[in-house]
């Protein structure tokens, strides 16, 4: 039997892609990100990370979006 571990978007390494599986806790920020296309079933790639836990830059539907690691924790991914 395979162990299931929750992986969130903030844990995805730079240069890797994953598919959004679930949004854990809706907030005004996560709802806005969902309006931009960060929704379950969508592929997302981490392009860059700022040093010292700063924002991360994502490629999403041909658009670049930056968000804080705190906000990225609300999105579960298939990794």
PDB file of N, CA and C in Angstrom:
ATOM      1  N   UNK A   1       0.839  -1.177   0.000  1.00  0.00           N
ATOM      2  CA  UNK A   1       0.000   0.000   0.000  1.00  0.00           C
ATOM      3  C   UNK A   1       0.888   1.245   0.000  1.00  0.00           C
ATOM      4  N   UNK A   2       0.572   2.194  -0.847  1.00  0.00           N
ATOM      5  CA  UNK A   2       1.369   3.393  -1.010  1.00  0.00           C
ATOM      6  C   UNK A   2       0.954   4.466  -0.003  1.00  0.00           C
ATOM      7  N   UNK A   3       1.944   5.086   0.627  1.00  0.00           N
ATOM      8  CA  UNK A   3       1.685   6.165   1.570  1.00  0.00           C
ATOM      9  C   UNK A   3       1.357   7.437   0.802  1.00  0.00           C
ATOM     10  N   UNK A   4       0.306   8.115   1.210  1.00  0.00           N
ATOM     11  CA  UNK A   4      -0.094   9.349   0.558  1.00  0.00           C
ATOM     12  C   UNK A   4       0.424  10.513   1.397  1.00  0.00           C
ATOM     13  N   UNK A   5       1.189  11.389   0.768  1.00  0.00           N
ATOM     14  CA  UNK A   5       1.744  12.553   1.454  1.00  0.00           C
ATOM     15  C   UNK A   5       1.283  13.790   0.711  1.00  0.00           C
ATOM     16  N   UNK A   6       0.800  14.760   1.452  1.00  0.00           N
ATOM     17  CA  UNK A   6       0.352  16.002   0.841  1.00  0.00           C
ATOM     18  C   UNK A   6       1.570  16.832   0.458  1.00  0.00           C
ATOM     19  N   UNK A   7       1.649  17.204  -0.809  1.00  0.00           N
ATOM     20  CA  UNK A   7       2.718  18.069  -1.300  1.00  0.00           C
ATOM     21  C   UNK A   7       2.047  19.350  -1.756  1.00  0.00           C
ATOM     22  N   UNK A   8       2.598  20.479  -1.313  1.00  0.00           N
ATOM     23  CA  UNK A   8       2.023  21.759  -1.685  1.00  0.00           C
ATOM     24  C   UNK A   8       2.941  22.484  -2.667  1.00  0.00           C
ATOM     25  N   UNK A   9       2.399  23.463  -3.332  1.00  0.00           N
ATOM     26  CA  UNK A   9       3.103  24.166  -4.400  1.00  0.00           C
ATOM     27  C   UNK A   9       4.404  24.811  -3.922  1.00  0.00           C
ATOM     28  N   UNK A  10       4.468  25.245  -2.682  1.00  0.00           N
ATOM     29  CA  UNK A  10       5.689  25.868  -2.173  1.00  0.00           C
ATOM     30  C   UNK A  10       6.853  24.877  -2.087  1.00  0.00           C
ATOM     31  N   UNK A  11       6.579  23.567  -2.131  1.00  0.00           N
ATOM     32  CA  UNK A  11       7.609  22.534  -2.058  1.00  0.00           C
ATOM     33  C   UNK A  11       8.130  22.095  -3.425  1.00  0.00           C
ATOM     34  N   UNK A  12       7.529  22.579  -4.500  1.00  0.00           N
ATOM     35  CA  UNK A  12       7.942  22.193  -5.858  1.00  0.00           C
ATOM     36  C   UNK A  12       9.276  22.858  -6.200  1.00  0.00           C
ATOM     37  N   UNK A  13      10.281  22.088  -6.593  1.00  0.00           N
ATOM     38  CA  UNK A  13      11.594  22.669  -6.914  1.00  0.00           C
ATOM     39  C   UNK A  13      11.554  23.550  -8.163  1.00  0.00           C
ATOM     40  N   UNK A  14      12.476  24.485  -8.229  1.00  0.00           N
ATOM     41  CA  UNK A  14      12.611  25.372  -9.384  1.00  0.00           C
ATOM     42  C   UNK A  14      12.859  24.544 -10.648  1.00  0.00           C
ATOM     43  N   UNK A  15      12.164  24.884 -11.725  1.00  0.00           N
ATOM     44  CA  UNK A  15      12.310  24.190 -12.991  1.00  0.00           C
ATOM     45  C   UNK A  15      11.367  23.011 -13.171  1.00  0.00           C
ATOM     46  N   UNK A  16      10.696  22.585 -12.120  1.00  0.00           N
ATOM     47  CA  UNK A  16       9.787  21.439 -12.205  1.00  0.00           C
ATOM     48  C   UNK A  16       8.350  21.885 -12.431  1.00  0.00           C
ATOM     49  N   UNK A  17       7.576  20.985 -13.010  1.00  0.00           N
ATOM     50  CA  UNK A  17       6.154  21.227 -13.254  1.00  0.00           C
ATOM     51  C   UNK A  17       5.326  20.244 -12.446  1.00  0.00           C
ATOM     52  N   UNK A  18       4.093  20.622 -12.185  1.00  0.00           N
ATOM     53  CA  UNK A  18       3.153  19.746 -11.486  1.00  0.00           C
ATOM     54  C   UNK A  18       1.739  20.174 -11.860  1.00  0.00           C
ATOM     55  N   UNK A  19       0.791  19.347 -11.477  1.00  0.00           N
ATOM     56  CA  UNK A  19      -0.617  19.649 -11.721  1.00  0.00           C
ATOM     57  C   UNK A  19      -1.269  19.973 -10.381  1.00  0.00           C
ATOM     58  N   UNK A  20      -2.015  21.063 -10.353  1.00  0.00           N
ATOM     59  CA  UNK A  20      -2.735  21.449  -9.136  1.00  0.00           C
ATOM     60  C   UNK A  20      -3.833  20.421  -8.894  1.00  0.00           C
ATOM     61  N   UNK A  21      -3.871  19.915  -7.666  1.00  0.00           N
ATOM     62  CA  UNK A  21      -4.849  18.888  -7.310  1.00  0.00           C
ATOM     63  C   UNK A  21      -6.020  19.471  -6.525  1.00  0.00           C
ATOM     64  N   UNK A  22      -5.719  20.397  -5.593  1.00  0.00           N
ATOM     65  CA  UNK A  22      -6.766  20.877  -4.694  1.00  0.00           C
ATOM     66  C   UNK A  22      -6.341  22.206  -4.076  1.00  0.00           C
ATOM     67  N   UNK A  23      -7.326  23.044  -3.768  1.00  0.00           N
ATOM     68  CA  UNK A  23      -7.074  24.276  -3.023  1.00  0.00           C
ATOM     69  C   UNK A  23      -7.533  24.012  -1.597  1.00  0.00           C
ATOM     70  N   UNK A  24      -6.589  24.137  -0.646  1.00  0.00           N
ATOM     71  CA  UNK A  24      -6.883  23.764   0.733  1.00  0.00           C
ATOM     72  C   UNK A  24      -7.747  24.773   1.474  1.00  0.00           C
ATOM     73  N   UNK A  25      -7.359  26.043   1.455  1.00  0.00           N
ATOM     74  CA  UNK A  25      -8.086  27.045   2.241  1.00  0.00           C
ATOM     75  C   UNK A  25      -8.328  28.302   1.414  1.00  0.00           C
ATOM     76  N   UNK A  26      -9.533  28.478   0.945  1.00  0.00           N
ATOM     77  CA  UNK A  26      -9.826  29.665   0.150  1.00  0.00           C
ATOM     78  C   UNK A  26      -9.676  30.949   0.977  1.00  0.00           C
ATOM     79  N   UNK A  27      -9.071  31.947   0.382  1.00  0.00           N
ATOM     80  CA  UNK A  27      -8.916  33.272   0.973  1.00  0.00           C
ATOM     81  C   UNK A  27      -9.028  34.258  -0.185  1.00  0.00           C
ATOM     82  N   UNK A  28      -9.092  35.547   0.087  1.00  0.00           N
ATOM     83  CA  UNK A  28      -9.153  36.504  -1.031  1.00  0.00           C
ATOM     84  C   UNK A  28      -7.970  36.343  -1.996  1.00  0.00           C
ATOM     85  N   UNK A  29      -6.784  36.063  -1.462  1.00  0.00           N
ATOM     86  CA  UNK A  29      -5.608  35.898  -2.322  1.00  0.00           C
ATOM     87  C   UNK A  29      -5.709  34.635  -3.162  1.00  0.00           C
ATOM     88  N   UNK A  30      -6.080  33.504  -2.544  1.00  0.00           N
ATOM     89  CA  UNK A  30      -6.169  32.263  -3.318  1.00  0.00           C
ATOM     90  C   UNK A  30      -7.301  32.335  -4.340  1.00  0.00           C
ATOM     91  N   UNK A  31      -8.387  33.005  -4.000  1.00  0.00           N
ATOM     92  CA  UNK A  31      -9.471  33.159  -4.973  1.00  0.00           C
ATOM     93  C   UNK A  31      -9.009  33.976  -6.174  1.00  0.00           C
ATOM     94  N   UNK A  32      -8.207  35.017  -5.935  1.00  0.00           N
ATOM     95  CA  UNK A  32      -7.679  35.822  -7.046  1.00  0.00           C
ATOM     96  C   UNK A  32      -6.735  34.985  -7.903  1.00  0.00           C
ATOM     97  N   UNK A  33      -5.895  34.168  -7.278  1.00  0.00           N
ATOM     98  CA  UNK A  33      -4.994  33.290  -8.030  1.00  0.00           C
ATOM     99  C   UNK A  33      -5.784  32.278  -8.860  1.00  0.00           C
ATOM    100  N   UNK A  34      -6.896  31.813  -8.320  1.00  0.00           N
ATOM    101  CA  UNK A  34      -7.752  30.900  -9.076  1.00  0.00           C
ATOM    102  C   UNK A  34      -8.364  31.608 -10.282  1.00  0.00           C
ATOM    103  N   UNK A  35      -8.718  32.886 -10.129  1.00  0.00           N
ATOM    104  CA  UNK A  35      -9.233  33.658 -11.268  1.00  0.00           C
ATOM    105  C   UNK A  35      -8.176  33.801 -12.360  1.00  0.00           C
ATOM    106  N   UNK A  36      -6.902  33.808 -11.959  1.00  0.00           N
ATOM    107  CA  UNK A  36      -5.805  33.905 -12.924  1.00  0.00           C
ATOM    108  C   UNK A  36      -5.487  32.558 -13.577  1.00  0.00           C
ATOM    109  N   UNK A  37      -6.128  31.484 -13.125  1.00  0.00           N
ATOM    110  CA  UNK A  37      -5.938  30.184 -13.755  1.00  0.00           C
ATOM    111  C   UNK A  37      -5.283  29.120 -12.901  1.00  0.00           C
ATOM    112  N   UNK A  38      -4.966  29.425 -11.660  1.00  0.00           N
ATOM    113  CA  UNK A  38      -4.343  28.439 -10.765  1.00  0.00           C
ATOM    114  C   UNK A  38      -5.456  27.608 -10.131  1.00  0.00           C
ATOM    115  N   UNK A  39      -5.982  26.662 -10.912  1.00  0.00           N
ATOM    116  CA  UNK A  39      -7.134  25.866 -10.502  1.00  0.00           C
ATOM    117  C   UNK A  39      -6.792  24.380 -10.606  1.00  0.00           C
ATOM    118  N   UNK A  40      -7.536  23.530  -9.891  1.00  0.00           N
ATOM    119  CA  UNK A  40      -7.292  22.091  -9.989  1.00  0.00           C
ATOM    120  C   UNK A  40      -7.345  21.608 -11.441  1.00  0.00           C
ATOM    121  N   UNK A  41      -6.383  20.752 -11.778  1.00  0.00           N
ATOM    122  CA  UNK A  41      -6.276  20.209 -13.127  1.00  0.00           C
ATOM    123  C   UNK A  41      -5.321  20.979 -14.019  1.00  0.00           C
ATOM    124  N   UNK A  42      -4.881  22.148 -13.581  1.00  0.00           N
ATOM    125  CA  UNK A  42      -4.005  23.009 -14.381  1.00  0.00           C
ATOM    126  C   UNK A  42      -2.538  22.707 -14.072  1.00  0.00           C
ATOM    127  N   UNK A  43      -1.713  22.691 -15.102  1.00  0.00           N
ATOM    128  CA  UNK A  43      -0.274  22.496 -14.946  1.00  0.00           C
ATOM    129  C   UNK A  43       0.390  23.828 -14.609  1.00  0.00           C
ATOM    130  N   UNK A  44       1.376  23.770 -13.718  1.00  0.00           N
ATOM    131  CA  UNK A  44       2.094  24.967 -13.283  1.00  0.00           C
ATOM    132  C   UNK A  44       3.578  24.619 -13.167  1.00  0.00           C
ATOM    133  N   UNK A  45       4.443  25.569 -13.493  1.00  0.00           N
ATOM    134  CA  UNK A  45       5.887  25.353 -13.417  1.00  0.00           C
ATOM    135  C   UNK A  45       6.521  26.469 -12.589  1.00  0.00           C
ATOM    136  N   UNK A  46       7.459  26.100 -11.714  1.00  0.00           N
ATOM    137  CA  UNK A  46       8.198  27.098 -10.937  1.00  0.00           C
ATOM    138  C   UNK A  46       9.368  27.571 -11.787  1.00  0.00           C
ATOM    139  N   UNK A  47       9.397  28.871 -12.103  1.00  0.00           N
ATOM    140  CA  UNK A  47      10.464  29.440 -12.925  1.00  0.00           C
ATOM    141  C   UNK A  47      11.621  29.944 -12.081  1.00  0.00           C
ATOM    142  N   UNK A  48      11.319  30.689 -11.026  1.00  0.00           N
ATOM    143  CA  UNK A  48      12.360  31.302 -10.190  1.00  0.00           C
ATOM    144  C   UNK A  48      11.880  31.365  -8.751  1.00  0.00           C
ATOM    145  N   UNK A  49      12.848  31.517  -7.848  1.00  0.00           N
ATOM    146  CA  UNK A  49      12.555  31.747  -6.436  1.00  0.00           C
ATOM    147  C   UNK A  49      13.446  32.871  -5.938  1.00  0.00           C
ATOM    148  N   UNK A  50      12.870  33.773  -5.187  1.00  0.00           N
ATOM    149  CA  UNK A  50      13.670  34.820  -4.559  1.00  0.00           C
ATOM    150  C   UNK A  50      14.410  34.200  -3.372  1.00  0.00           C
ATOM    151  N   UNK A  51      15.573  34.732  -3.037  1.00  0.00           N
ATOM    152  CA  UNK A  51      16.330  34.175  -1.906  1.00  0.00           C
ATOM    153  C   UNK A  51      15.632  34.422  -0.568  1.00  0.00           C
ATOM    154  N   UNK A  52      16.021  33.633   0.413  1.00  0.00           N
ATOM    155  CA  UNK A  52      15.570  33.779   1.798  1.00  0.00           C
ATOM    156  C   UNK A  52      14.059  33.649   1.953  1.00  0.00           C
ATOM    157  N   UNK A  53      13.455  32.741   1.187  1.00  0.00           N
ATOM    158  CA  UNK A  53      12.032  32.472   1.331  1.00  0.00           C
ATOM    159  C   UNK A  53      11.115  33.525   0.737  1.00  0.00           C
ATOM    160  N   UNK A  54      11.643  34.320  -0.182  1.00  0.00           N
ATOM    161  CA  UNK A  54      10.840  35.355  -0.833  1.00  0.00           C
ATOM    162  C   UNK A  54       9.870  34.751  -1.835  1.00  0.00           C
ATOM    163  N   UNK A  55       9.252  35.589  -2.646  1.00  0.00           N
ATOM    164  CA  UNK A  55       8.253  35.114  -3.614  1.00  0.00           C
ATOM    165  C   UNK A  55       8.826  34.153  -4.657  1.00  0.00           C
ATOM    166  N   UNK A  56       7.932  33.389  -5.238  1.00  0.00           N
ATOM    167  CA  UNK A  56       8.297  32.476  -6.325  1.00  0.00           C
ATOM    168  C   UNK A  56       7.566  32.916  -7.578  1.00  0.00           C
ATOM    169  N   UNK A  57       8.205  32.673  -8.732  1.00  0.00           N
ATOM    170  CA  UNK A  57       7.587  33.032 -10.013  1.00  0.00           C
ATOM    171  C   UNK A  57       7.149  31.743 -10.696  1.00  0.00           C
ATOM    172  N   UNK A  58       5.890  31.726 -11.145  1.00  0.00           N
ATOM    173  CA  UNK A  58       5.303  30.555 -11.786  1.00  0.00           C
ATOM    174  C   UNK A  58       4.958  30.859 -13.234  1.00  0.00           C
ATOM    175  N   UNK A  59       5.007  29.815 -14.059  1.00  0.00           N
ATOM    176  CA  UNK A  59       4.479  29.901 -15.409  1.00  0.00           C
ATOM    177  C   UNK A  59       3.133  29.190 -15.384  1.00  0.00           C
ATOM    178  N   UNK A  60       2.099  29.917 -15.794  1.00  0.00           N
ATOM    179  CA  UNK A  60       0.741  29.410 -15.686  1.00  0.00           C
ATOM    180  C   UNK A  60      -0.051  29.878 -16.892  1.00  0.00           C
ATOM    181  N   UNK A  61      -0.460  28.962 -17.740  1.00  0.00           N
ATOM    182  CA  UNK A  61      -1.272  29.272 -18.917  1.00  0.00           C
ATOM    183  C   UNK A  61      -0.615  30.368 -19.762  1.00  0.00           C
ATOM    184  N   UNK A  62       0.697  30.276 -19.944  1.00  0.00           N
ATOM    185  CA  UNK A  62       1.404  31.252 -20.756  1.00  0.00           C
ATOM    186  C   UNK A  62       1.630  32.591 -20.078  1.00  0.00           C
ATOM    187  N   UNK A  63       1.336  32.676 -18.805  1.00  0.00           N
ATOM    188  CA  UNK A  63       1.498  33.907 -18.035  1.00  0.00           C
ATOM    189  C   UNK A  63       2.437  33.642 -16.873  1.00  0.00           C
ATOM    190  N   UNK A  64       3.161  34.673 -16.472  1.00  0.00           N
ATOM    191  CA  UNK A  64       4.022  34.562 -15.299  1.00  0.00           C
ATOM    192  C   UNK A  64       3.323  35.214 -14.124  1.00  0.00           C
ATOM    193  N   UNK A  65       3.283  34.486 -13.022  1.00  0.00           N
ATOM    194  CA  UNK A  65       2.623  34.954 -11.808  1.00  0.00           C
ATOM    195  C   UNK A  65       3.600  34.795 -10.658  1.00  0.00           C
ATOM    196  N   UNK A  66       3.696  35.797  -9.795  1.00  0.00           N
ATOM    197  CA  UNK A  66       4.531  35.706  -8.602  1.00  0.00           C
ATOM    198  C   UNK A  66       3.638  35.616  -7.383  1.00  0.00           C
ATOM    199  N   UNK A  67       4.030  34.746  -6.439  1.00  0.00           N
ATOM    200  CA  UNK A  67       3.282  34.649  -5.203  1.00  0.00           C
ATOM    201  C   UNK A  67       4.194  34.255  -4.054  1.00  0.00           C
ATOM    202  N   UNK A  68       3.752  34.558  -2.857  1.00  0.00           N
ATOM    203  CA  UNK A  68       4.514  34.241  -1.657  1.00  0.00           C
ATOM    204  C   UNK A  68       4.401  32.756  -1.354  1.00  0.00           C
ATOM    205  N   UNK A  69       5.427  32.219  -0.698  1.00  0.00           N
ATOM    206  CA  UNK A  69       5.413  30.806  -0.307  1.00  0.00           C
ATOM    207  C   UNK A  69       4.208  30.516   0.582  1.00  0.00           C
ATOM    208  N   UNK A  70       3.858  31.460   1.433  1.00  0.00           N
ATOM    209  CA  UNK A  70       2.695  31.289   2.311  1.00  0.00           C
ATOM    210  C   UNK A  70       1.422  31.036   1.490  1.00  0.00           C
ATOM    211  N   UNK A  71       1.244  31.777   0.412  1.00  0.00           N
ATOM    212  CA  UNK A  71       0.067  31.591  -0.441  1.00  0.00           C
ATOM    213  C   UNK A  71       0.163  30.300  -1.244  1.00  0.00           C
ATOM    214  N   UNK A  72       1.361  29.906  -1.631  1.00  0.00           N
ATOM    215  CA  UNK A  72       1.556  28.679  -2.406  1.00  0.00           C
ATOM    216  C   UNK A  72       1.212  27.438  -1.590  1.00  0.00           C
ATOM    217  N   UNK A  73       1.295  27.526  -0.272  1.00  0.00           N
ATOM    218  CA  UNK A  73       0.964  26.377   0.599  1.00  0.00           C
ATOM    219  C   UNK A  73      -0.511  25.996   0.530  1.00  0.00           C
ATOM    220  N   UNK A  74      -1.356  26.873   0.027  1.00  0.00           N
ATOM    221  CA  UNK A  74      -2.791  26.587  -0.065  1.00  0.00           C
ATOM    222  C   UNK A  74      -3.132  25.677  -1.242  1.00  0.00           C
ATOM    223  N   UNK A  75      -2.159  25.416  -2.131  1.00  0.00           N
ATOM    224  CA  UNK A  75      -2.425  24.624  -3.333  1.00  0.00           C
ATOM    225  C   UNK A  75      -1.717  23.277  -3.253  1.00  0.00           C
ATOM    226  N   UNK A  76      -2.502  22.189  -3.192  1.00  0.00           N
ATOM    227  CA  UNK A  76      -1.946  20.837  -3.228  1.00  0.00           C
ATOM    228  C   UNK A  76      -1.647  20.474  -4.673  1.00  0.00           C
ATOM    229  N   UNK A  77      -0.558  19.718  -4.876  1.00  0.00           N
ATOM    230  CA  UNK A  77      -0.151  19.342  -6.233  1.00  0.00           C
ATOM    231  C   UNK A  77       0.096  17.843  -6.310  1.00  0.00           C
ATOM    232  N   UNK A  78       0.057  17.314  -7.531  1.00  0.00           N
ATOM    233  CA  UNK A  78       0.501  15.952  -7.824  1.00  0.00           C
ATOM    234  C   UNK A  78       1.957  16.052  -8.230  1.00  0.00           C
ATOM    235  N   UNK A  79       2.841  15.504  -7.418  1.00  0.00           N
ATOM    236  CA  UNK A  79       4.269  15.580  -7.730  1.00  0.00           C
ATOM    237  C   UNK A  79       4.876  14.198  -7.822  1.00  0.00           C
TER     238      UNK A  79
END
